[in-house]
Amino acid sequence: MISEELQREATELAEEITLDAVGYFEKAIERAGILLSGDLKNSFEYEIIQTAGRLSVAGVIHLKGYG
């Protein structure tokens, strides 16, 4: 079992990395010559998934309302 403090720190780090990844993803799409509309740009979401009792944290990026 891991401490609450370690789990919190891992979650905060995963959130920071995932938020950065959203920005990199948007830039990579634009570099590929794909124009992102305002609605599509505003549809990026992310969530942090934790597994209780273990050091397991994942960041997931979604495009809200798009497939």
Protein backbone atom coordinates (compact mmCIF):
# COMPACT_ATOMS: atom_id res chain seq x y z
CA MET A 1 0.00 0.00 0.00
CA ILE A 2 1.34 3.44 -0.85
CA SER A 3 1.01 6.57 1.23
CA GLU A 4 -1.66 9.14 0.47
CA GLU A 5 1.06 11.76 -0.01
CA LEU A 6 2.85 9.70 -2.67
CA GLN A 7 -0.45 9.00 -4.44
CA ARG A 8 -1.32 12.71 -4.39
CA GLU A 9 2.10 13.69 -5.77
CA ALA A 10 1.86 11.06 -8.52
CA THR A 11 -1.62 12.29 -9.43
CA GLU A 12 -0.48 15.92 -9.58
CA LEU A 13 2.47 14.96 -11.79
CA ALA A 14 0.23 12.90 -14.10
CA GLU A 15 -2.15 15.85 -14.38
CA GLU A 16 0.69 18.22 -15.30
CA ILE A 17 2.11 15.80 -17.89
CA THR A 18 -1.33 15.12 -19.41
CA LEU A 19 -2.14 18.83 -19.67
CA ASP A 20 1.19 19.39 -21.44
CA ALA A 21 0.41 16.46 -23.74
CA VAL A 22 -2.86 18.10 -24.81
CA GLY A 23 -0.90 21.18 -25.89
CA TYR A 24 1.68 19.08 -27.76
CA PHE A 25 -1.12 17.13 -29.46
CA GLU A 26 -2.83 20.32 -30.64
CA LYS A 27 0.46 21.69 -32.00
CA ALA A 28 1.26 18.41 -33.79
CA ILE A 29 -2.16 18.45 -35.47
CA GLU A 30 -1.61 22.02 -36.63
CA ARG A 31 1.93 21.23 -37.88
CA ALA A 32 0.42 18.43 -39.95
CA GLY A 33 -1.62 21.11 -41.73
CA ILE A 34 -4.95 20.26 -40.12
CA LEU A 35 -7.00 23.29 -39.15
CA LEU A 36 -8.63 22.97 -35.75
CA SER A 37 -11.93 24.82 -35.49
CA GLY A 38 -12.68 26.70 -32.29
CA ASP A 39 -15.22 24.04 -31.26
CA LEU A 40 -12.75 21.22 -31.83
CA LYS A 41 -9.95 23.06 -30.04
CA ASN A 42 -12.25 23.64 -27.07
CA SER A 43 -13.33 19.99 -27.01
CA PHE A 44 -10.02 18.61 -25.69
CA GLU A 45 -10.53 17.12 -22.23
CA TYR A 46 -8.43 14.93 -20.02
CA GLU A 47 -8.94 12.80 -16.98
CA ILE A 48 -6.64 11.23 -14.44
CA ILE A 49 -7.37 7.62 -13.53
CA GLN A 50 -6.04 6.19 -10.28
CA THR A 51 -5.97 2.65 -8.97
CA ALA A 52 -6.70 2.47 -5.25
CA GLY A 53 -3.98 1.02 -3.07
CA ARG A 54 -1.36 0.93 -5.83
CA LEU A 55 0.87 3.46 -7.51
CA SER A 56 -1.02 3.41 -10.77
CA VAL A 57 -1.99 6.71 -12.37
CA ALA A 58 -2.92 7.33 -16.01
CA GLY A 59 -3.87 10.38 -18.02
CA VAL A 60 -6.43 10.02 -20.80
CA ILE A 61 -7.15 12.66 -23.47
CA HIS A 62 -10.62 12.89 -25.05
CA LEU A 63 -12.21 14.99 -27.75
CA LYS A 64 -15.56 15.80 -26.17
CA GLY A 65 -18.44 15.05 -28.53
CA TYR A 66 -16.20 13.70 -31.32
CA GLY A 67 -16.34 9.91 -31.85
